[in-house]
Amino acid sequence: MGMPLELNTMIVTKGREERVEENLFLLEKSGYRLYPIDIPIDVRRTIESDSSGIAVIKKVEWQNNITIVTYQLIALNSTN
């Protein structure tokens, strides 16, 4: 039996991100997802929306069919 895995090249928050520190955020996503670490990537509220900013992923954790992403926002495009 295989493990379903999704490869993501942007962070889509859907408004569910949690601020940990000033520019550090935590996002919990369902399923197992793989993200590039230490490379600037786009942050969006939805897949179709404009970019909200640029972030660098610091940590990805998998457990119980959930992916927890810790990322640092390095550029903000909009305050909305």
PDB file of N, CA and C in Angstrom:
ATOM      1  N   MET A   1       0.841  -1.178   0.000  1.00  0.00           N
ATOM      2  CA  MET A   1       0.000   0.000   0.000  1.00  0.00           C
ATOM      3  C   MET A   1       0.887   1.242   0.000  1.00  0.00           C
ATOM      4  N   GLY A   2       0.594   2.169  -0.886  1.00  0.00           N
ATOM      5  CA  GLY A   2       1.382   3.387  -0.998  1.00  0.00           C
ATOM      6  C   GLY A   2       0.875   4.494  -0.094  1.00  0.00           C
ATOM      7  N   MET A   3       1.700   5.505   0.055  1.00  0.00           N
ATOM      8  CA  MET A   3       1.334   6.667   0.855  1.00  0.00           C
ATOM      9  C   MET A   3       1.027   7.820  -0.091  1.00  0.00           C
ATOM     10  N   PRO A   4      -0.201   8.376  -0.067  1.00  0.00           N
ATOM     11  CA  PRO A   4      -0.506   9.508  -0.944  1.00  0.00           C
ATOM     12  C   PRO A   4       0.300  10.733  -0.526  1.00  0.00           C
ATOM     13  N   LEU A   5       0.927  11.386  -1.490  1.00  0.00           N
ATOM     14  CA  LEU A   5       1.796  12.529  -1.216  1.00  0.00           C
ATOM     15  C   LEU A   5       1.545  13.597  -2.260  1.00  0.00           C
ATOM     16  N   GLU A   6       1.410  14.825  -1.819  1.00  0.00           N
ATOM     17  CA  GLU A   6       1.179  15.949  -2.724  1.00  0.00           C
ATOM     18  C   GLU A   6       2.393  16.865  -2.674  1.00  0.00           C
ATOM     19  N   LEU A   7       2.877  17.296  -3.842  1.00  0.00           N
ATOM     20  CA  LEU A   7       4.004  18.219  -3.929  1.00  0.00           C
ATOM     21  C   LEU A   7       3.457  19.622  -4.147  1.00  0.00           C
ATOM     22  N   ASN A   8       3.763  20.553  -3.240  1.00  0.00           N
ATOM     23  CA  ASN A   8       3.268  21.924  -3.329  1.00  0.00           C
ATOM     24  C   ASN A   8       4.412  22.888  -3.575  1.00  0.00           C
ATOM     25  N   THR A   9       4.167  23.859  -4.471  1.00  0.00           N
ATOM     26  CA  THR A   9       5.180  24.870  -4.777  1.00  0.00           C
ATOM     27  C   THR A   9       4.737  26.255  -4.340  1.00  0.00           C
ATOM     28  N   MET A  10       3.630  26.346  -3.624  1.00  0.00           N
ATOM     29  CA  MET A  10       3.179  27.594  -3.012  1.00  0.00           C
ATOM     30  C   MET A  10       2.418  27.253  -1.739  1.00  0.00           C
ATOM     31  N   ILE A  11       2.298  28.237  -0.863  1.00  0.00           N
ATOM     32  CA  ILE A  11       1.555  28.053   0.380  1.00  0.00           C
ATOM     33  C   ILE A  11       0.174  28.668   0.176  1.00  0.00           C
ATOM     34  N   VAL A  12      -0.869  27.857   0.325  1.00  0.00           N
ATOM     35  CA  VAL A  12      -2.247  28.331   0.222  1.00  0.00           C
ATOM     36  C   VAL A  12      -2.851  28.240   1.622  1.00  0.00           C
ATOM     37  N   THR A  13      -3.143  29.388   2.228  1.00  0.00           N
ATOM     38  CA  THR A  13      -3.523  29.428   3.641  1.00  0.00           C
ATOM     39  C   THR A  13      -5.012  29.244   3.885  1.00  0.00           C
ATOM     40  N   LYS A  14      -5.856  29.690   2.981  1.00  0.00           N
ATOM     41  CA  LYS A  14      -7.317  29.696   3.172  1.00  0.00           C
ATOM     42  C   LYS A  14      -7.698  30.354   4.499  1.00  0.00           C
ATOM     43  N   GLY A  15      -6.846  31.268   4.981  1.00  0.00           N
ATOM     44  CA  GLY A  15      -7.117  32.000   6.214  1.00  0.00           C
ATOM     45  C   GLY A  15      -6.920  31.205   7.489  1.00  0.00           C
ATOM     46  N   ARG A  16      -6.277  30.039   7.406  1.00  0.00           N
ATOM     47  CA  ARG A  16      -6.122  29.175   8.584  1.00  0.00           C
ATOM     48  C   ARG A  16      -4.726  29.233   9.209  1.00  0.00           C
ATOM     49  N   GLU A  17      -3.917  30.176   8.810  1.00  0.00           N
ATOM     50  CA  GLU A  17      -2.579  30.282   9.392  1.00  0.00           C
ATOM     51  C   GLU A  17      -2.664  30.855  10.803  1.00  0.00           C
ATOM     52  N   GLU A  18      -1.703  30.463  11.637  1.00  0.00           N
ATOM     53  CA  GLU A  18      -1.614  30.977  13.008  1.00  0.00           C
ATOM     54  C   GLU A  18      -0.258  31.650  13.184  1.00  0.00           C
ATOM     55  N   ARG A  19      -0.280  32.855  13.720  1.00  0.00           N
ATOM     56  CA  ARG A  19       0.975  33.574  13.964  1.00  0.00           C
ATOM     57  C   ARG A  19       1.624  33.010  15.218  1.00  0.00           C
ATOM     58  N   VAL A  20       2.910  32.632  15.107  1.00  0.00           N
ATOM     59  CA  VAL A  20       3.671  32.111  16.238  1.00  0.00           C
ATOM     60  C   VAL A  20       4.525  33.232  16.833  1.00  0.00           C
ATOM     61  N   GLU A  21       5.190  33.960  15.958  1.00  0.00           N
ATOM     62  CA  GLU A  21       5.983  35.130  16.334  1.00  0.00           C
ATOM     63  C   GLU A  21       5.685  36.216  15.312  1.00  0.00           C
ATOM     64  N   GLU A  22       6.475  37.276  15.317  1.00  0.00           N
ATOM     65  CA  GLU A  22       6.203  38.417  14.453  1.00  0.00           C
ATOM     66  C   GLU A  22       6.018  38.020  12.983  1.00  0.00           C
ATOM     67  N   ASN A  23       6.964  37.340  12.384  1.00  0.00           N
ATOM     68  CA  ASN A  23       6.867  36.944  10.981  1.00  0.00           C
ATOM     69  C   ASN A  23       6.860  35.423  10.800  1.00  0.00           C
ATOM     70  N   LEU A  24       6.637  34.688  11.860  1.00  0.00           N
ATOM     71  CA  LEU A  24       6.650  33.230  11.812  1.00  0.00           C
ATOM     72  C   LEU A  24       5.221  32.709  11.966  1.00  0.00           C
ATOM     73  N   PHE A  25       4.825  31.823  11.044  1.00  0.00           N
ATOM     74  CA  PHE A  25       3.448  31.321  11.017  1.00  0.00           C
ATOM     75  C   PHE A  25       3.431  29.801  11.004  1.00  0.00           C
ATOM     76  N   LEU A  26       2.327  29.246  11.461  1.00  0.00           N
ATOM     77  CA  LEU A  26       2.099  27.806  11.494  1.00  0.00           C
ATOM     78  C   LEU A  26       0.828  27.538  10.699  1.00  0.00           C
ATOM     79  N   LEU A  27       0.875  26.534   9.821  1.00  0.00           N
ATOM     80  CA  LEU A  27      -0.277  26.184   9.005  1.00  0.00           C
ATOM     81  C   LEU A  27      -0.451  24.674   9.002  1.00  0.00           C
ATOM     82  N   GLU A  28      -1.653  24.228   9.308  1.00  0.00           N
ATOM     83  CA  GLU A  28      -1.961  22.797   9.327  1.00  0.00           C
ATOM     84  C   GLU A  28      -2.788  22.465   8.093  1.00  0.00           C
ATOM     85  N   LYS A  29      -2.318  21.486   7.309  1.00  0.00           N
ATOM     86  CA  LYS A  29      -3.000  21.069   6.085  1.00  0.00           C
ATOM     87  C   LYS A  29      -3.332  19.585   6.186  1.00  0.00           C
ATOM     88  N   SER A  30      -4.455  19.175   5.612  1.00  0.00           N
ATOM     89  CA  SER A  30      -4.815  17.765   5.628  1.00  0.00           C
ATOM     90  C   SER A  30      -3.975  17.002   4.598  1.00  0.00           C
ATOM     91  N   GLY A  31      -3.700  15.755   4.874  1.00  0.00           N
ATOM     92  CA  GLY A  31      -2.912  14.919   3.977  1.00  0.00           C
ATOM     93  C   GLY A  31      -1.422  15.137   4.147  1.00  0.00           C
ATOM     94  N   TYR A  32      -0.659  14.355   3.421  1.00  0.00           N
ATOM     95  CA  TYR A  32       0.798  14.484   3.440  1.00  0.00           C
ATOM     96  C   TYR A  32       1.223  15.344   2.271  1.00  0.00           C
ATOM     97  N   ARG A  33       1.914  16.441   2.564  1.00  0.00           N
ATOM     98  CA  ARG A  33       2.335  17.397   1.545  1.00  0.00           C
ATOM     99  C   ARG A  33       3.829  17.665   1.677  1.00  0.00           C
ATOM    100  N   LEU A  34       4.468  17.808   0.542  1.00  0.00           N
ATOM    101  CA  LEU A  34       5.897  18.083   0.499  1.00  0.00           C
ATOM    102  C   LEU A  34       6.094  19.500  -0.026  1.00  0.00           C
ATOM    103  N   TYR A  35       6.906  20.295   0.663  1.00  0.00           N
ATOM    104  CA  TYR A  35       7.184  21.680   0.291  1.00  0.00           C
ATOM    105  C   TYR A  35       8.692  21.879   0.188  1.00  0.00           C
ATOM    106  N   PRO A  36       9.142  22.804  -0.665  1.00  0.00           N
ATOM    107  CA  PRO A  36      10.569  23.137  -0.695  1.00  0.00           C
ATOM    108  C   PRO A  36      10.935  23.918   0.572  1.00  0.00           C
ATOM    109  N   ILE A  37      12.038  23.558   1.189  1.00  0.00           N
ATOM    110  CA  ILE A  37      12.481  24.210   2.426  1.00  0.00           C
ATOM    111  C   ILE A  37      13.623  25.175   2.110  1.00  0.00           C
ATOM    112  N   ASP A  38      13.618  26.334   2.782  1.00  0.00           N
ATOM    113  CA  ASP A  38      14.652  27.366   2.644  1.00  0.00           C
ATOM    114  C   ASP A  38      14.742  27.962   1.244  1.00  0.00           C
ATOM    115  N   ILE A  39      13.628  27.955   0.508  1.00  0.00           N
ATOM    116  CA  ILE A  39      13.545  28.584  -0.812  1.00  0.00           C
ATOM    117  C   ILE A  39      12.331  29.500  -0.791  1.00  0.00           C
ATOM    118  N   PRO A  40      12.464  30.761  -1.203  1.00  0.00           N
ATOM    119  CA  PRO A  40      11.303  31.661  -1.204  1.00  0.00           C
ATOM    120  C   PRO A  40      10.198  31.150  -2.135  1.00  0.00           C
ATOM    121  N   ILE A  41       8.969  31.072  -1.595  1.00  0.00           N
ATOM    122  CA  ILE A  41       7.816  30.651  -2.391  1.00  0.00           C
ATOM    123  C   ILE A  41       6.634  31.581  -2.115  1.00  0.00           C
ATOM    124  N   ASP A  42       5.684  31.555  -3.027  1.00  0.00           N
ATOM    125  CA  ASP A  42       4.484  32.384  -2.979  1.00  0.00           C
ATOM    126  C   ASP A  42       3.552  31.974  -1.835  1.00  0.00           C
ATOM    127  N   VAL A  43       2.922  32.966  -1.207  1.00  0.00           N
ATOM    128  CA  VAL A  43       1.874  32.719  -0.215  1.00  0.00           C
ATOM    129  C   VAL A  43       0.594  33.330  -0.756  1.00  0.00           C
ATOM    130  N   ARG A  44      -0.463  32.527  -0.789  1.00  0.00           N
ATOM    131  CA  ARG A  44      -1.756  32.993  -1.289  1.00  0.00           C
ATOM    132  C   ARG A  44      -2.866  32.558  -0.345  1.00  0.00           C
ATOM    133  N   ARG A  45      -3.935  33.308  -0.326  1.00  0.00           N
ATOM    134  CA  ARG A  45      -5.097  32.936   0.488  1.00  0.00           C
ATOM    135  C   ARG A  45      -5.845  31.782  -0.172  1.00  0.00           C
ATOM    136  N   THR A  46      -6.029  31.838  -1.485  1.00  0.00           N
ATOM    137  CA  THR A  46      -6.596  30.736  -2.269  1.00  0.00           C
ATOM    138  C   THR A  46      -5.710  30.536  -3.491  1.00  0.00           C
ATOM    139  N   ILE A  47      -5.900  29.429  -4.184  1.00  0.00           N
ATOM    140  CA  ILE A  47      -5.083  29.155  -5.371  1.00  0.00           C
ATOM    141  C   ILE A  47      -5.293  30.226  -6.437  1.00  0.00           C
ATOM    142  N   GLU A  48      -6.524  30.715  -6.575  1.00  0.00           N
ATOM    143  CA  GLU A  48      -6.852  31.691  -7.615  1.00  0.00           C
ATOM    144  C   GLU A  48      -6.510  33.128  -7.233  1.00  0.00           C
ATOM    145  N   SER A  49      -6.285  33.416  -5.963  1.00  0.00           N
ATOM    146  CA  SER A  49      -6.061  34.795  -5.524  1.00  0.00           C
ATOM    147  C   SER A  49      -4.663  35.281  -5.892  1.00  0.00           C
ATOM    148  N   ASP A  50      -4.485  36.598  -5.809  1.00  0.00           N
ATOM    149  CA  ASP A  50      -3.172  37.188  -6.028  1.00  0.00           C
ATOM    150  C   ASP A  50      -2.251  36.828  -4.872  1.00  0.00           C
ATOM    151  N   SER A  51      -0.977  36.958  -5.102  1.00  0.00           N
ATOM    152  CA  SER A  51       0.013  36.646  -4.078  1.00  0.00           C
ATOM    153  C   SER A  51      -0.120  37.603  -2.889  1.00  0.00           C
ATOM    154  N   SER A  52      -0.101  37.047  -1.677  1.00  0.00           N
ATOM    155  CA  SER A  52      -0.134  37.854  -0.457  1.00  0.00           C
ATOM    156  C   SER A  52       1.266  38.240  -0.022  1.00  0.00           C
ATOM    157  N   GLY A  53       2.241  37.434  -0.432  1.00  0.00           N
ATOM    158  CA  GLY A  53       3.619  37.685  -0.047  1.00  0.00           C
ATOM    159  C   GLY A  53       4.518  36.527  -0.427  1.00  0.00           C
ATOM    160  N   ILE A  54       5.727  36.591   0.086  1.00  0.00           N
ATOM    161  CA  ILE A  54       6.741  35.561  -0.148  1.00  0.00           C
ATOM    162  C   ILE A  54       7.181  35.033   1.215  1.00  0.00           C
ATOM    163  N   ALA A  55       7.349  33.716   1.308  1.00  0.00           N
ATOM    164  CA  ALA A  55       7.748  33.097   2.576  1.00  0.00           C
ATOM    165  C   ALA A  55       8.832  32.052   2.328  1.00  0.00           C
ATOM    166  N   VAL A  56       9.535  31.730   3.400  1.00  0.00           N
ATOM    167  CA  VAL A  56      10.523  30.654   3.398  1.00  0.00           C
ATOM    168  C   VAL A  56      10.062  29.631   4.426  1.00  0.00           C
ATOM    169  N   ILE A  57       9.892  28.393   3.992  1.00  0.00           N
ATOM    170  CA  ILE A  57       9.458  27.334   4.903  1.00  0.00           C
ATOM    171  C   ILE A  57      10.647  26.894   5.744  1.00  0.00           C
ATOM    172  N   LYS A  58      10.447  26.867   7.045  1.00  0.00           N
ATOM    173  CA  LYS A  58      11.492  26.494   7.992  1.00  0.00           C
ATOM    174  C   LYS A  58      11.375  25.051   8.455  1.00  0.00           C
ATOM    175  N   LYS A  59      10.128  24.523   8.520  1.00  0.00           N
ATOM    176  CA  LYS A  59       9.938  23.160   9.013  1.00  0.00           C
ATOM    177  C   LYS A  59       8.649  22.583   8.455  1.00  0.00           C
ATOM    178  N   VAL A  60       8.704  21.284   8.108  1.00  0.00           N
ATOM    179  CA  VAL A  60       7.522  20.536   7.667  1.00  0.00           C
ATOM    180  C   VAL A  60       7.432  19.290   8.538  1.00  0.00           C
ATOM    181  N   GLU A  61       6.266  19.068   9.151  1.00  0.00           N
ATOM    182  CA  GLU A  61       6.050  17.887  10.003  1.00  0.00           C
ATOM    183  C   GLU A  61       4.877  17.092   9.464  1.00  0.00           C
ATOM    184  N   TRP A  62       5.024  15.773   9.431  1.00  0.00           N
ATOM    185  CA  TRP A  62       3.938  14.875   9.023  1.00  0.00           C
ATOM    186  C   TRP A  62       3.553  14.012  10.202  1.00  0.00           C
ATOM    187  N   GLN A  63       2.256  13.884  10.448  1.00  0.00           N
ATOM    188  CA  GLN A  63       1.777  12.913  11.429  1.00  0.00           C
ATOM    189  C   GLN A  63       0.272  12.770  11.309  1.00  0.00           C
ATOM    190  N   ASN A  64      -0.202  11.531  11.409  1.00  0.00           N
ATOM    191  CA  ASN A  64      -1.634  11.216  11.387  1.00  0.00           C
ATOM    192  C   ASN A  64      -2.367  11.855  10.207  1.00  0.00           C
ATOM    193  N   ASN A  65      -1.787  11.750   9.008  1.00  0.00           N
ATOM    194  CA  ASN A  65      -2.373  12.274   7.772  1.00  0.00           C
ATOM    195  C   ASN A  65      -2.566  13.790   7.804  1.00  0.00           C
ATOM    196  N   ILE A  66      -1.687  14.489   8.519  1.00  0.00           N
ATOM    197  CA  ILE A  66      -1.710  15.952   8.603  1.00  0.00           C
ATOM    198  C   ILE A  66      -0.292  16.466   8.372  1.00  0.00           C
ATOM    199  N   THR A  67      -0.197  17.565   7.645  1.00  0.00           N
ATOM    200  CA  THR A  67       1.087  18.234   7.442  1.00  0.00           C
ATOM    201  C   THR A  67       1.046  19.557   8.181  1.00  0.00           C
ATOM    202  N   ILE A  68       2.066  19.812   8.991  1.00  0.00           N
ATOM    203  CA  ILE A  68       2.181  21.081   9.715  1.00  0.00           C
ATOM    204  C   ILE A  68       3.385  21.821   9.134  1.00  0.00           C
ATOM    205  N   VAL A  69       3.124  23.014   8.610  1.00  0.00           N
ATOM    206  CA  VAL A  69       4.154  23.814   7.952  1.00  0.00           C
ATOM    207  C   VAL A  69       4.452  25.030   8.817  1.00  0.00           C
ATOM    208  N   THR A  70       5.723  25.248   9.109  1.00  0.00           N
ATOM    209  CA  THR A  70       6.166  26.450   9.806  1.00  0.00           C
ATOM    210  C   THR A  70       6.913  27.297   8.788  1.00  0.00           C
ATOM    211  N   TYR A  71       6.440  28.521   8.570  1.00  0.00           N
ATOM    212  CA  TYR A  71       7.080  29.368   7.557  1.00  0.00           C
ATOM    213  C   TYR A  71       7.285  30.785   8.076  1.00  0.00           C
ATOM    214  N   GLN A  72       8.296  31.432   7.485  1.00  0.00           N
ATOM    215  CA  GLN A  72       8.628  32.812   7.848  1.00  0.00           C
ATOM    216  C   GLN A  72       8.265  33.714   6.666  1.00  0.00           C
ATOM    217  N   LEU A  73       7.421  34.686   6.902  1.00  0.00           N
ATOM    218  CA  LEU A  73       7.040  35.636   5.878  1.00  0.00           C
ATOM    219  C   LEU A  73       8.187  36.634   5.688  1.00  0.00           C
ATOM    220  N   ILE A  74       8.714  36.729   4.471  1.00  0.00           N
ATOM    221  CA  ILE A  74       9.852  37.623   4.227  1.00  0.00           C
ATOM    222  C   ILE A  74       9.467  38.860   3.410  1.00  0.00           C
ATOM    223  N   ALA A  75       8.302  38.809   2.738  1.00  0.00           N
ATOM    224  CA  ALA A  75       7.802  39.966   1.989  1.00  0.00           C
ATOM    225  C   ALA A  75       6.283  39.923   1.994  1.00  0.00           C
ATOM    226  N   LEU A  76       5.667  41.075   2.236  1.00  0.00           N
ATOM    227  CA  LEU A  76       4.207  41.184   2.278  1.00  0.00           C
ATOM    228  C   LEU A  76       3.757  42.072   1.133  1.00  0.00           C
ATOM    229  N   ASN A  77       2.860  41.562   0.283  1.00  0.00           N
ATOM    230  CA  ASN A  77       2.382  42.326  -0.871  1.00  0.00           C
ATOM    231  C   ASN A  77       1.134  43.135  -0.576  1.00  0.00           C
ATOM    232  N   SER A  78       0.337  42.691   0.412  1.00  0.00           N
ATOM    233  CA  SER A  78      -0.915  43.351   0.735  1.00  0.00           C
ATOM    234  C   SER A  78      -1.221  43.163   2.205  1.00  0.00           C
ATOM    235  N   THR A  79      -1.874  44.134   2.803  1.00  0.00           N
ATOM    236  CA  THR A  79      -2.249  44.003   4.205  1.00  0.00           C
ATOM    237  C   THR A  79      -3.607  43.370   4.368  1.00  0.00           C
ATOM    238  N   ASN A  80      -4.300  43.052   3.281  1.00  0.00           N
ATOM    239  CA  ASN A  80      -5.637  42.435   3.348  1.00  0.00           C
ATOM    240  C   ASN A  80      -5.550  40.969   3.549  1.00  0.00           C
TER     241      ASN A  80
END
